[in-house]
């Protein structure tokens, strides 16, 4: 079993920055990957409807959705099984609940509880 705990959400003005963190614990074995997805607050649809934001493998390969390229940076601390998402130049349209995802060596996927990001003046 794997548990994911996100932190770092909050309220920020447009143009501001936030750093999200996701701490993973449990039976995690390489190769694994971690990712961030987002979903509109209050959207009760299934997790498969969440929008992809960024992804990183435990070997450090990354990819991003086009709308965040150049503004967001995903990183991983393998020693702590922690993924972070540095978000700069935030825009109102970035306001969402951000969910951490981990795909383990056996392709099982796990989700965190979500952290709310609000970008507003």
N, C-alpha and C. Protein backbone atom coordinates (compact mmCIF):
# COMPACT_ATOMS: atom_id res chain seq x y z
N UNK A 1 0.84 -1.19 0.00
CA UNK A 1 0.00 0.00 0.00
C UNK A 1 0.88 1.25 0.00
N UNK A 2 0.40 2.27 -0.67
CA UNK A 2 1.13 3.52 -0.80
C UNK A 2 0.23 4.66 -0.35
N UNK A 3 0.78 5.59 0.39
CA UNK A 3 0.04 6.78 0.80
C UNK A 3 0.74 8.02 0.26
N UNK A 4 -0.06 8.98 -0.17
CA UNK A 4 0.44 10.24 -0.71
C UNK A 4 -0.16 11.38 0.08
N UNK A 5 0.70 12.31 0.50
CA UNK A 5 0.23 13.47 1.25
C UNK A 5 0.74 14.72 0.56
N UNK A 6 -0.20 15.54 0.08
CA UNK A 6 0.17 16.78 -0.59
C UNK A 6 0.16 17.94 0.38
N UNK A 7 0.94 18.96 0.05
CA UNK A 7 0.94 20.20 0.83
C UNK A 7 1.38 21.33 -0.07
N UNK A 8 1.13 22.55 0.38
CA UNK A 8 1.66 23.72 -0.32
C UNK A 8 0.65 24.55 -1.09
N UNK A 9 -0.60 24.12 -1.13
CA UNK A 9 -1.59 24.93 -1.83
C UNK A 9 -1.90 26.20 -1.07
N UNK A 10 -2.68 27.07 -1.69
CA UNK A 10 -3.07 28.30 -1.03
C UNK A 10 -3.57 29.34 -2.01
N UNK A 11 -3.67 30.57 -1.52
CA UNK A 11 -4.15 31.70 -2.32
C UNK A 11 -2.95 32.57 -2.71
N UNK A 12 -2.90 32.91 -3.98
CA UNK A 12 -1.80 33.73 -4.47
C UNK A 12 -2.33 34.68 -5.53
N UNK A 13 -1.69 35.85 -5.65
CA UNK A 13 -2.07 36.81 -6.69
C UNK A 13 -1.56 36.35 -8.04
N UNK A 14 -2.19 36.79 -9.11
CA UNK A 14 -1.66 36.50 -10.45
C UNK A 14 -0.21 36.96 -10.56
N UNK A 15 0.61 36.12 -11.19
CA UNK A 15 2.04 36.40 -11.28
C UNK A 15 2.85 35.86 -10.14
N UNK A 16 2.19 35.38 -9.11
CA UNK A 16 2.87 34.86 -7.94
C UNK A 16 3.32 33.42 -8.11
N UNK A 17 3.88 32.86 -7.04
CA UNK A 17 4.43 31.51 -7.07
C UNK A 17 3.94 30.70 -5.89
N UNK A 18 3.87 29.39 -6.12
CA UNK A 18 3.60 28.43 -5.07
C UNK A 18 4.43 27.19 -5.33
N UNK A 19 4.71 26.46 -4.27
CA UNK A 19 5.43 25.19 -4.42
C UNK A 19 4.61 24.10 -3.73
N UNK A 20 4.19 23.13 -4.52
CA UNK A 20 3.45 21.98 -4.01
C UNK A 20 4.42 20.83 -3.74
N UNK A 21 4.14 20.08 -2.69
CA UNK A 21 4.94 18.90 -2.38
C UNK A 21 4.04 17.70 -2.19
N UNK A 22 4.57 16.55 -2.54
CA UNK A 22 3.84 15.29 -2.38
C UNK A 22 4.79 14.27 -1.76
N UNK A 23 4.49 13.89 -0.54
CA UNK A 23 5.32 12.91 0.16
C UNK A 23 4.68 11.53 0.05
N UNK A 24 5.42 10.60 -0.50
CA UNK A 24 4.92 9.24 -0.69
C UNK A 24 5.54 8.31 0.35
N UNK A 25 4.74 7.41 0.87
CA UNK A 25 5.24 6.42 1.82
C UNK A 25 4.60 5.07 1.54
N UNK A 26 5.24 4.02 2.02
CA UNK A 26 4.71 2.69 1.80
C UNK A 26 5.63 1.86 0.92
N UNK A 27 5.05 0.92 0.25
CA UNK A 27 5.82 -0.03 -0.57
C UNK A 27 6.04 0.53 -1.98
N UNK A 28 7.06 1.33 -2.11
CA UNK A 28 7.39 1.97 -3.38
C UNK A 28 8.68 1.38 -3.90
N UNK A 29 8.63 0.90 -5.14
CA UNK A 29 9.81 0.27 -5.73
C UNK A 29 10.05 0.83 -7.11
N UNK A 30 11.30 0.99 -7.44
CA UNK A 30 11.69 1.47 -8.75
C UNK A 30 11.47 0.36 -9.79
N UNK A 31 11.08 0.70 -11.02
CA UNK A 31 10.85 2.08 -11.49
C UNK A 31 9.46 2.57 -11.11
N UNK A 32 9.39 3.83 -10.74
CA UNK A 32 8.10 4.44 -10.46
C UNK A 32 8.11 5.85 -11.03
N UNK A 33 6.97 6.43 -11.09
CA UNK A 33 6.83 7.78 -11.61
C UNK A 33 5.82 8.54 -10.75
N UNK A 34 5.99 9.84 -10.69
CA UNK A 34 5.05 10.68 -9.97
C UNK A 34 4.56 11.78 -10.89
N UNK A 35 3.38 12.25 -10.64
CA UNK A 35 2.77 13.23 -11.53
C UNK A 35 1.83 14.13 -10.75
N UNK A 36 1.50 15.25 -11.35
CA UNK A 36 0.49 16.16 -10.83
C UNK A 36 -0.62 16.28 -11.86
N UNK A 37 -1.83 16.23 -11.37
CA UNK A 37 -3.02 16.46 -12.16
C UNK A 37 -3.82 17.55 -11.47
N UNK A 38 -4.79 18.09 -12.17
CA UNK A 38 -5.64 19.10 -11.55
C UNK A 38 -7.07 18.94 -12.01
N UNK A 39 -7.96 19.40 -11.15
CA UNK A 39 -9.39 19.28 -11.41
C UNK A 39 -10.09 20.45 -10.74
N UNK A 40 -11.11 20.95 -11.40
CA UNK A 40 -11.82 22.11 -10.88
C UNK A 40 -12.41 21.78 -9.51
N UNK A 41 -12.25 22.68 -8.57
CA UNK A 41 -12.81 22.48 -7.23
C UNK A 41 -14.32 22.29 -7.33
N UNK A 42 -14.81 21.29 -6.64
CA UNK A 42 -16.24 21.00 -6.66
C UNK A 42 -16.65 20.07 -7.78
N UNK A 43 -15.75 19.75 -8.67
CA UNK A 43 -16.04 18.81 -9.76
C UNK A 43 -16.04 17.41 -9.17
N UNK A 44 -17.17 16.75 -9.19
CA UNK A 44 -17.30 15.44 -8.56
C UNK A 44 -17.04 14.29 -9.53
N UNK A 45 -16.60 14.60 -10.74
CA UNK A 45 -16.35 13.53 -11.69
C UNK A 45 -15.19 12.65 -11.23
N UNK A 46 -15.14 11.46 -11.81
CA UNK A 46 -14.12 10.47 -11.44
C UNK A 46 -12.72 11.01 -11.72
N UNK A 47 -11.73 10.40 -11.05
CA UNK A 47 -10.36 10.86 -11.18
C UNK A 47 -9.85 10.78 -12.62
N UNK A 48 -10.45 9.92 -13.45
CA UNK A 48 -9.98 9.81 -14.84
C UNK A 48 -10.24 11.10 -15.62
N UNK A 49 -11.08 11.99 -15.06
CA UNK A 49 -11.37 13.26 -15.71
C UNK A 49 -10.38 14.36 -15.31
N UNK A 50 -9.44 14.05 -14.45
CA UNK A 50 -8.48 15.06 -14.04
C UNK A 50 -7.55 15.40 -15.19
N UNK A 51 -7.11 16.63 -15.22
CA UNK A 51 -6.25 17.13 -16.30
C UNK A 51 -4.78 16.96 -15.93
N UNK A 52 -4.04 16.40 -16.83
CA UNK A 52 -2.60 16.20 -16.63
C UNK A 52 -1.88 17.54 -16.57
N UNK A 53 -0.91 17.65 -15.64
CA UNK A 53 -0.11 18.87 -15.52
C UNK A 53 1.37 18.57 -15.81
N UNK A 54 1.95 17.62 -15.04
CA UNK A 54 3.38 17.35 -15.17
C UNK A 54 3.66 15.94 -14.66
N UNK A 55 4.74 15.37 -15.15
CA UNK A 55 5.09 13.98 -14.84
C UNK A 55 6.60 13.87 -14.74
N UNK A 56 7.07 13.02 -13.81
CA UNK A 56 8.50 12.78 -13.68
C UNK A 56 8.72 11.31 -13.31
N UNK A 57 9.69 10.70 -13.97
CA UNK A 57 10.07 9.34 -13.62
C UNK A 57 11.12 9.37 -12.51
N UNK A 58 11.37 8.25 -11.90
CA UNK A 58 12.38 8.24 -10.85
C UNK A 58 13.79 8.34 -11.41
N UNK A 59 13.91 8.31 -12.74
CA UNK A 59 15.20 8.57 -13.37
C UNK A 59 15.32 10.03 -13.80
N UNK A 60 14.25 10.81 -13.55
CA UNK A 60 14.33 12.25 -13.78
C UNK A 60 13.77 12.76 -15.10
N UNK A 61 13.21 11.88 -15.91
CA UNK A 61 12.59 12.34 -17.16
C UNK A 61 11.28 13.05 -16.86
N UNK A 62 11.08 14.19 -17.52
CA UNK A 62 9.89 14.99 -17.23
C UNK A 62 9.10 15.29 -18.49
N UNK A 63 7.82 15.56 -18.31
CA UNK A 63 7.04 16.16 -19.38
C UNK A 63 5.90 16.96 -18.75
N UNK A 64 5.41 17.93 -19.54
CA UNK A 64 4.45 18.91 -19.05
C UNK A 64 3.35 19.12 -20.07
N UNK A 65 2.20 19.53 -19.61
CA UNK A 65 1.18 20.02 -20.51
C UNK A 65 1.65 21.36 -21.06
N UNK A 66 1.29 21.66 -22.29
CA UNK A 66 1.82 22.86 -22.95
C UNK A 66 1.53 24.13 -22.17
N UNK A 67 0.39 24.21 -21.52
CA UNK A 67 -0.02 25.46 -20.87
C UNK A 67 0.85 25.84 -19.67
N UNK A 68 1.64 24.91 -19.17
CA UNK A 68 2.48 25.24 -18.00
C UNK A 68 3.98 25.22 -18.33
N UNK A 69 4.32 24.85 -19.54
CA UNK A 69 5.74 24.81 -19.91
C UNK A 69 6.37 26.19 -19.74
N UNK A 70 7.54 26.21 -19.12
CA UNK A 70 8.24 27.46 -18.88
C UNK A 70 7.81 28.16 -17.60
N UNK A 71 6.72 27.68 -16.98
CA UNK A 71 6.24 28.29 -15.73
C UNK A 71 6.32 27.31 -14.55
N UNK A 72 6.06 26.05 -14.81
CA UNK A 72 6.06 25.03 -13.76
C UNK A 72 7.27 24.12 -13.92
N UNK A 73 7.80 23.67 -12.79
CA UNK A 73 8.92 22.72 -12.80
C UNK A 73 8.63 21.61 -11.81
N UNK A 74 8.66 20.38 -12.30
CA UNK A 74 8.47 19.23 -11.43
C UNK A 74 9.84 18.64 -11.08
N UNK A 75 9.99 18.21 -9.85
CA UNK A 75 11.25 17.61 -9.42
C UNK A 75 10.95 16.45 -8.48
N UNK A 76 11.95 15.62 -8.26
CA UNK A 76 11.77 14.46 -7.41
C UNK A 76 12.98 14.29 -6.50
N UNK A 77 12.71 13.97 -5.25
CA UNK A 77 13.74 13.63 -4.27
C UNK A 77 13.57 12.15 -3.97
N UNK A 78 14.39 11.34 -4.61
CA UNK A 78 14.22 9.89 -4.48
C UNK A 78 14.49 9.41 -3.07
N UNK A 79 15.40 10.07 -2.39
CA UNK A 79 15.72 9.63 -1.02
C UNK A 79 14.52 9.76 -0.10
N UNK A 80 13.68 10.75 -0.40
CA UNK A 80 12.49 10.99 0.44
C UNK A 80 11.20 10.58 -0.25
N UNK A 81 11.30 10.05 -1.49
CA UNK A 81 10.09 9.70 -2.26
C UNK A 81 9.13 10.89 -2.27
N UNK A 82 9.67 12.04 -2.56
CA UNK A 82 8.87 13.27 -2.57
C UNK A 82 8.97 13.94 -3.93
N UNK A 83 7.83 14.32 -4.46
CA UNK A 83 7.80 15.09 -5.71
C UNK A 83 7.32 16.50 -5.38
N UNK A 84 7.90 17.46 -6.06
CA UNK A 84 7.52 18.85 -5.86
C UNK A 84 7.13 19.47 -7.20
N UNK A 85 6.26 20.45 -7.12
CA UNK A 85 5.87 21.19 -8.31
C UNK A 85 6.04 22.68 -8.00
N UNK A 86 7.06 23.29 -8.58
CA UNK A 86 7.28 24.73 -8.44
C UNK A 86 6.46 25.43 -9.51
N UNK A 87 5.56 26.28 -9.08
CA UNK A 87 4.67 26.97 -10.00
C UNK A 87 4.95 28.46 -9.95
N UNK A 88 5.42 29.02 -11.05
CA UNK A 88 5.73 30.44 -11.15
C UNK A 88 4.78 31.12 -12.14
N UNK A 89 4.71 32.42 -12.04
CA UNK A 89 3.87 33.21 -12.95
C UNK A 89 2.46 32.62 -13.03
N UNK A 90 1.87 32.39 -11.88
CA UNK A 90 0.56 31.76 -11.84
C UNK A 90 -0.51 32.66 -12.44
N UNK A 91 -1.47 32.02 -13.09
CA UNK A 91 -2.57 32.71 -13.74
C UNK A 91 -3.89 32.26 -13.11
N UNK A 92 -4.93 33.09 -13.21
CA UNK A 92 -6.23 32.68 -12.64
C UNK A 92 -6.69 31.32 -13.15
N UNK A 93 -6.39 31.01 -14.41
CA UNK A 93 -6.82 29.73 -14.97
C UNK A 93 -6.06 28.53 -14.39
N UNK A 94 -5.04 28.79 -13.58
CA UNK A 94 -4.34 27.70 -12.88
C UNK A 94 -5.07 27.30 -11.60
N UNK A 95 -6.11 28.03 -11.24
CA UNK A 95 -6.86 27.73 -10.02
C UNK A 95 -7.57 26.40 -10.16
N UNK A 96 -7.24 25.46 -9.29
CA UNK A 96 -7.80 24.12 -9.34
C UNK A 96 -7.42 23.40 -8.06
N UNK A 97 -7.95 22.21 -7.89
CA UNK A 97 -7.43 21.29 -6.89
C UNK A 97 -6.34 20.46 -7.57
N UNK A 98 -5.16 20.44 -6.99
CA UNK A 98 -4.04 19.72 -7.58
C UNK A 98 -3.86 18.39 -6.84
N UNK A 99 -3.77 17.32 -7.63
CA UNK A 99 -3.67 15.97 -7.09
C UNK A 99 -2.33 15.35 -7.47
N UNK A 100 -1.70 14.74 -6.51
CA UNK A 100 -0.48 13.99 -6.75
C UNK A 100 -0.84 12.55 -7.13
N UNK A 101 -0.08 12.01 -8.05
CA UNK A 101 -0.29 10.63 -8.51
C UNK A 101 1.04 9.90 -8.49
N UNK A 102 1.02 8.67 -8.06
CA UNK A 102 2.21 7.82 -8.14
C UNK A 102 1.85 6.54 -8.86
N UNK A 103 2.64 6.19 -9.86
CA UNK A 103 2.49 4.91 -10.54
C UNK A 103 3.67 4.04 -10.15
N UNK A 104 3.36 2.95 -9.48
CA UNK A 104 4.40 2.11 -8.90
C UNK A 104 4.99 1.15 -9.94
N UNK A 105 5.99 0.39 -9.52
CA UNK A 105 6.70 -0.53 -10.42
C UNK A 105 5.75 -1.55 -11.04
N UNK A 106 4.66 -1.89 -10.34
CA UNK A 106 3.70 -2.89 -10.82
C UNK A 106 2.52 -2.25 -11.55
N UNK A 107 2.67 -0.98 -11.92
CA UNK A 107 1.67 -0.20 -12.66
C UNK A 107 0.44 0.16 -11.82
N UNK A 108 0.44 -0.17 -10.55
CA UNK A 108 -0.67 0.30 -9.71
C UNK A 108 -0.50 1.80 -9.48
N UNK A 109 -1.63 2.49 -9.49
CA UNK A 109 -1.61 3.95 -9.34
C UNK A 109 -2.29 4.37 -8.05
N UNK A 110 -1.77 5.44 -7.47
CA UNK A 110 -2.29 5.94 -6.21
C UNK A 110 -2.47 7.45 -6.32
N UNK A 111 -3.42 7.97 -5.55
CA UNK A 111 -3.74 9.40 -5.59
C UNK A 111 -3.67 9.99 -4.18
N UNK A 112 -3.25 11.25 -4.12
CA UNK A 112 -3.35 11.98 -2.88
C UNK A 112 -4.73 12.58 -2.72
N UNK A 113 -4.90 13.32 -1.64
CA UNK A 113 -6.23 13.85 -1.32
C UNK A 113 -6.51 15.18 -2.01
N UNK A 114 -5.49 15.79 -2.58
CA UNK A 114 -5.66 17.05 -3.29
C UNK A 114 -5.33 18.26 -2.43
N UNK A 115 -4.82 19.29 -3.08
CA UNK A 115 -4.54 20.56 -2.40
C UNK A 115 -5.03 21.69 -3.30
N UNK A 116 -5.72 22.64 -2.70
CA UNK A 116 -6.38 23.70 -3.46
C UNK A 116 -5.42 24.85 -3.76
N UNK A 117 -5.38 25.24 -5.02
CA UNK A 117 -4.62 26.41 -5.45
C UNK A 117 -5.61 27.43 -6.00
N UNK A 118 -5.57 28.63 -5.47
CA UNK A 118 -6.45 29.71 -5.93
C UNK A 118 -5.59 30.89 -6.33
N UNK A 119 -5.75 31.31 -7.57
CA UNK A 119 -5.00 32.45 -8.10
C UNK A 119 -6.01 33.56 -8.36
N UNK A 120 -5.92 34.61 -7.56
CA UNK A 120 -6.92 35.67 -7.64
C UNK A 120 -6.34 36.97 -7.10
N UNK A 121 -6.81 38.06 -7.68
CA UNK A 121 -6.40 39.37 -7.18
C UNK A 121 -7.39 39.88 -6.14
